[in-house]
Amino acid sequence: MVNEIVLIGFYLLTLVYSVIIHEVSHGVVALWLGDMTAKYADRLNLNPLKHIDPFGSVILPVLLFVSTGFAFGWAKPVPYNPYNL
């Protein structure tokens, strides 16, 4: 039982940081292409609180998992200005 809880915690931690690295990568590429919007919005960091969308990262995945056994969610998108790219 304890091993299962530790394994689920490990999976959730891995999932959270994978999504965060994915979103930070969007901002880094935009920065390389000349757009400073993500940097000015302080979204080029690995702090999970900066990237969690309350509905898409917490509420919807929990509701879906409880009702269907399947979870789906998203992180807060990193802002960019296409005119600066």
N, C-alpha and C. Protein backbone atom coordinates (compact mmCIF):
# COMPACT_ATOMS: atom_id res chain seq x y z
N MET A 1 0.83 -1.20 0.00
CA MET A 1 0.00 0.00 0.00
C MET A 1 0.87 1.26 0.00
N VAL A 2 1.89 1.28 0.85
CA VAL A 2 2.77 2.45 0.92
C VAL A 2 3.54 2.60 -0.39
N ASN A 3 3.97 1.48 -0.97
CA ASN A 3 4.69 1.54 -2.23
C ASN A 3 3.83 2.13 -3.34
N GLU A 4 2.54 1.80 -3.35
CA GLU A 4 1.65 2.34 -4.37
C GLU A 4 1.48 3.85 -4.21
N ILE A 5 1.38 4.33 -2.98
CA ILE A 5 1.24 5.76 -2.74
C ILE A 5 2.51 6.49 -3.17
N VAL A 6 3.66 5.94 -2.86
CA VAL A 6 4.93 6.55 -3.26
C VAL A 6 5.03 6.56 -4.79
N LEU A 7 4.61 5.49 -5.43
CA LEU A 7 4.67 5.40 -6.89
C LEU A 7 3.74 6.43 -7.53
N ILE A 8 2.54 6.59 -7.01
CA ILE A 8 1.61 7.58 -7.54
C ILE A 8 2.17 8.99 -7.35
N GLY A 9 2.76 9.25 -6.19
CA GLY A 9 3.39 10.56 -5.95
C GLY A 9 4.52 10.82 -6.92
N PHE A 10 5.32 9.80 -7.18
CA PHE A 10 6.41 9.94 -8.15
C PHE A 10 5.87 10.24 -9.54
N TYR A 11 4.82 9.53 -9.95
CA TYR A 11 4.21 9.77 -11.26
C TYR A 11 3.67 11.19 -11.37
N LEU A 12 2.99 11.66 -10.33
CA LEU A 12 2.44 13.02 -10.36
C LEU A 12 3.54 14.07 -10.41
N LEU A 13 4.59 13.88 -9.63
CA LEU A 13 5.70 14.83 -9.64
C LEU A 13 6.38 14.86 -11.01
N THR A 14 6.57 13.69 -11.60
CA THR A 14 7.16 13.61 -12.93
C THR A 14 6.27 14.28 -13.97
N LEU A 15 4.98 14.06 -13.87
CA LEU A 15 4.04 14.68 -14.81
C LEU A 15 4.05 16.19 -14.69
N VAL A 16 4.02 16.70 -13.47
CA VAL A 16 3.99 18.15 -13.26
C VAL A 16 5.25 18.80 -13.84
N TYR A 17 6.41 18.26 -13.54
CA TYR A 17 7.63 18.88 -14.05
C TYR A 17 7.82 18.67 -15.55
N SER A 18 7.28 17.60 -16.11
CA SER A 18 7.33 17.44 -17.56
C SER A 18 6.52 18.52 -18.26
N VAL A 19 5.34 18.80 -17.73
CA VAL A 19 4.49 19.83 -18.32
C VAL A 19 5.14 21.21 -18.16
N ILE A 20 5.75 21.45 -17.01
CA ILE A 20 6.39 22.74 -16.76
C ILE A 20 7.57 22.94 -17.71
N ILE A 21 8.39 21.92 -17.88
CA ILE A 21 9.53 22.02 -18.80
C ILE A 21 9.03 22.25 -20.22
N HIS A 22 7.94 21.61 -20.59
CA HIS A 22 7.36 21.81 -21.91
C HIS A 22 6.95 23.27 -22.11
N GLU A 23 6.27 23.84 -21.13
CA GLU A 23 5.81 25.23 -21.26
C GLU A 23 6.98 26.22 -21.22
N VAL A 24 7.96 25.98 -20.37
CA VAL A 24 9.14 26.86 -20.32
C VAL A 24 9.88 26.80 -21.66
N SER A 25 9.89 25.64 -22.29
CA SER A 25 10.55 25.52 -23.59
C SER A 25 9.89 26.41 -24.64
N HIS A 26 8.57 26.53 -24.58
CA HIS A 26 7.89 27.45 -25.49
C HIS A 26 8.41 28.87 -25.29
N GLY A 27 8.53 29.29 -24.04
CA GLY A 27 9.02 30.63 -23.75
C GLY A 27 10.46 30.83 -24.15
N VAL A 28 11.30 29.82 -23.96
CA VAL A 28 12.71 29.93 -24.32
C VAL A 28 12.87 30.07 -25.84
N VAL A 29 12.11 29.29 -26.59
CA VAL A 29 12.19 29.39 -28.05
C VAL A 29 11.71 30.76 -28.51
N ALA A 30 10.63 31.26 -27.91
CA ALA A 30 10.15 32.60 -28.25
C ALA A 30 11.22 33.65 -27.92
N LEU A 31 11.91 33.46 -26.80
CA LEU A 31 12.99 34.38 -26.42
C LEU A 31 14.12 34.33 -27.43
N TRP A 32 14.49 33.13 -27.87
CA TRP A 32 15.54 32.99 -28.88
C TRP A 32 15.15 33.69 -30.19
N LEU A 33 13.85 33.71 -30.47
CA LEU A 33 13.39 34.33 -31.71
C LEU A 33 13.13 35.83 -31.56
N GLY A 34 13.38 36.37 -30.37
CA GLY A 34 13.31 37.81 -30.18
C GLY A 34 12.13 38.32 -29.38
N ASP A 35 11.26 37.45 -28.89
CA ASP A 35 10.09 37.90 -28.12
C ASP A 35 10.40 37.83 -26.63
N MET A 36 10.27 38.95 -25.95
CA MET A 36 10.59 39.03 -24.52
C MET A 36 9.34 38.91 -23.64
N THR A 37 8.18 38.62 -24.21
CA THR A 37 6.92 38.61 -23.45
C THR A 37 6.96 37.62 -22.30
N ALA A 38 7.42 36.40 -22.54
CA ALA A 38 7.47 35.39 -21.48
C ALA A 38 8.44 35.80 -20.37
N LYS A 39 9.53 36.42 -20.73
CA LYS A 39 10.49 36.88 -19.73
C LYS A 39 9.90 37.99 -18.89
N TYR A 40 9.22 38.94 -19.52
CA TYR A 40 8.60 40.04 -18.78
C TYR A 40 7.47 39.55 -17.89
N ALA A 41 6.79 38.47 -18.29
CA ALA A 41 5.70 37.90 -17.49
C ALA A 41 6.23 36.96 -16.41
N ASP A 42 7.55 36.81 -16.29
CA ASP A 42 8.20 35.93 -15.31
C ASP A 42 7.73 34.49 -15.44
N ARG A 43 7.68 33.99 -16.68
CA ARG A 43 7.24 32.63 -16.92
C ARG A 43 8.37 31.72 -17.38
N LEU A 44 9.61 32.22 -17.34
CA LEU A 44 10.75 31.39 -17.73
C LEU A 44 11.41 30.80 -16.49
N ASN A 45 10.63 30.23 -15.61
CA ASN A 45 11.18 29.58 -14.43
C ASN A 45 10.48 28.25 -14.21
N LEU A 46 11.03 27.43 -13.32
CA LEU A 46 10.50 26.10 -13.08
C LEU A 46 9.58 26.05 -11.86
N ASN A 47 9.11 27.19 -11.40
CA ASN A 47 8.19 27.24 -10.27
C ASN A 47 6.83 26.73 -10.72
N PRO A 48 6.34 25.63 -10.16
CA PRO A 48 5.05 25.08 -10.60
C PRO A 48 3.88 26.03 -10.40
N LEU A 49 3.95 26.89 -9.40
CA LEU A 49 2.83 27.79 -9.13
C LEU A 49 2.63 28.82 -10.24
N LYS A 50 3.68 29.13 -10.98
CA LYS A 50 3.57 30.08 -12.10
C LYS A 50 2.88 29.45 -13.31
N HIS A 51 2.85 28.13 -13.38
CA HIS A 51 2.36 27.44 -14.57
C HIS A 51 1.05 26.68 -14.36
N ILE A 52 0.54 26.65 -13.14
CA ILE A 52 -0.69 25.90 -12.87
C ILE A 52 -1.90 26.75 -13.21
N ASP A 53 -2.75 26.20 -14.06
CA ASP A 53 -4.05 26.80 -14.35
C ASP A 53 -5.04 26.15 -13.39
N PRO A 54 -5.71 26.91 -12.53
CA PRO A 54 -6.56 26.28 -11.50
C PRO A 54 -7.59 25.31 -12.08
N PHE A 55 -8.24 25.67 -13.16
CA PHE A 55 -9.25 24.77 -13.72
C PHE A 55 -8.60 23.63 -14.50
N GLY A 56 -7.68 23.95 -15.41
CA GLY A 56 -7.10 22.95 -16.30
C GLY A 56 -6.07 22.05 -15.67
N SER A 57 -5.47 22.47 -14.56
CA SER A 57 -4.42 21.66 -13.92
C SER A 57 -4.89 20.95 -12.67
N VAL A 58 -5.99 21.40 -12.07
CA VAL A 58 -6.42 20.81 -10.80
C VAL A 58 -7.86 20.31 -10.88
N ILE A 59 -8.80 21.21 -11.12
CA ILE A 59 -10.22 20.87 -11.01
C ILE A 59 -10.65 19.83 -12.06
N LEU A 60 -10.41 20.12 -13.33
CA LEU A 60 -10.84 19.21 -14.39
C LEU A 60 -10.18 17.83 -14.30
N PRO A 61 -8.85 17.73 -14.12
CA PRO A 61 -8.27 16.39 -14.01
C PRO A 61 -8.83 15.57 -12.84
N VAL A 62 -9.05 16.22 -11.70
CA VAL A 62 -9.60 15.49 -10.55
C VAL A 62 -11.02 15.03 -10.84
N LEU A 63 -11.86 15.92 -11.39
CA LEU A 63 -13.24 15.54 -11.70
C LEU A 63 -13.29 14.42 -12.74
N LEU A 64 -12.47 14.51 -13.77
CA LEU A 64 -12.46 13.47 -14.78
C LEU A 64 -11.97 12.14 -14.22
N PHE A 65 -10.93 12.19 -13.39
CA PHE A 65 -10.40 10.95 -12.84
C PHE A 65 -11.41 10.28 -11.91
N VAL A 66 -12.09 11.07 -11.11
CA VAL A 66 -13.09 10.51 -10.19
C VAL A 66 -14.28 9.94 -10.96
N SER A 67 -14.70 10.62 -12.02
CA SER A 67 -15.91 10.19 -12.72
C SER A 67 -15.65 9.12 -13.79
N THR A 68 -14.48 9.15 -14.43
CA THR A 68 -14.24 8.23 -15.54
C THR A 68 -13.00 7.35 -15.36
N GLY A 69 -12.12 7.69 -14.44
CA GLY A 69 -10.88 6.94 -14.29
C GLY A 69 -9.80 7.42 -15.24
N PHE A 70 -10.07 8.46 -15.99
CA PHE A 70 -9.12 9.03 -16.95
C PHE A 70 -8.95 10.50 -16.63
N ALA A 71 -7.73 10.99 -16.69
CA ALA A 71 -7.47 12.40 -16.38
C ALA A 71 -6.95 13.12 -17.62
N PHE A 72 -7.39 14.34 -17.79
CA PHE A 72 -6.94 15.20 -18.87
C PHE A 72 -6.82 16.61 -18.32
N GLY A 73 -5.77 17.31 -18.69
CA GLY A 73 -5.60 18.67 -18.19
C GLY A 73 -4.57 19.42 -19.00
N TRP A 74 -4.28 20.63 -18.55
CA TRP A 74 -3.32 21.47 -19.25
C TRP A 74 -2.71 22.47 -18.27
N ALA A 75 -1.61 23.04 -18.70
CA ALA A 75 -0.95 24.09 -17.91
C ALA A 75 -1.34 25.45 -18.48
N LYS A 76 -1.02 26.48 -17.74
CA LYS A 76 -1.27 27.84 -18.22
C LYS A 76 -0.31 28.11 -19.37
N PRO A 77 -0.81 28.50 -20.55
CA PRO A 77 0.09 28.72 -21.68
C PRO A 77 1.02 29.91 -21.45
N VAL A 78 2.23 29.77 -21.94
CA VAL A 78 3.22 30.85 -21.84
C VAL A 78 2.86 31.92 -22.87
N PRO A 79 2.77 33.18 -22.45
CA PRO A 79 2.39 34.23 -23.41
C PRO A 79 3.52 34.54 -24.39
N TYR A 80 3.13 34.88 -25.58
CA TYR A 80 4.09 35.36 -26.58
C TYR A 80 3.39 36.34 -27.50
N ASN A 81 4.17 37.17 -28.15
CA ASN A 81 3.64 38.14 -29.09
C ASN A 81 4.17 37.76 -30.47
N PRO A 82 3.31 37.29 -31.37
CA PRO A 82 3.81 36.84 -32.68
C PRO A 82 4.43 37.96 -33.51
N TYR A 83 4.12 39.21 -33.18
CA TYR A 83 4.71 40.32 -33.93
C TYR A 83 6.17 40.57 -33.54
N ASN A 84 6.61 39.99 -32.43
CA ASN A 84 8.01 40.14 -32.01
C ASN A 84 8.89 38.99 -32.48
N LEU A 85 8.32 37.98 -33.06
CA LEU A 85 9.10 36.81 -33.48
C LEU A 85 9.83 37.08 -34.77
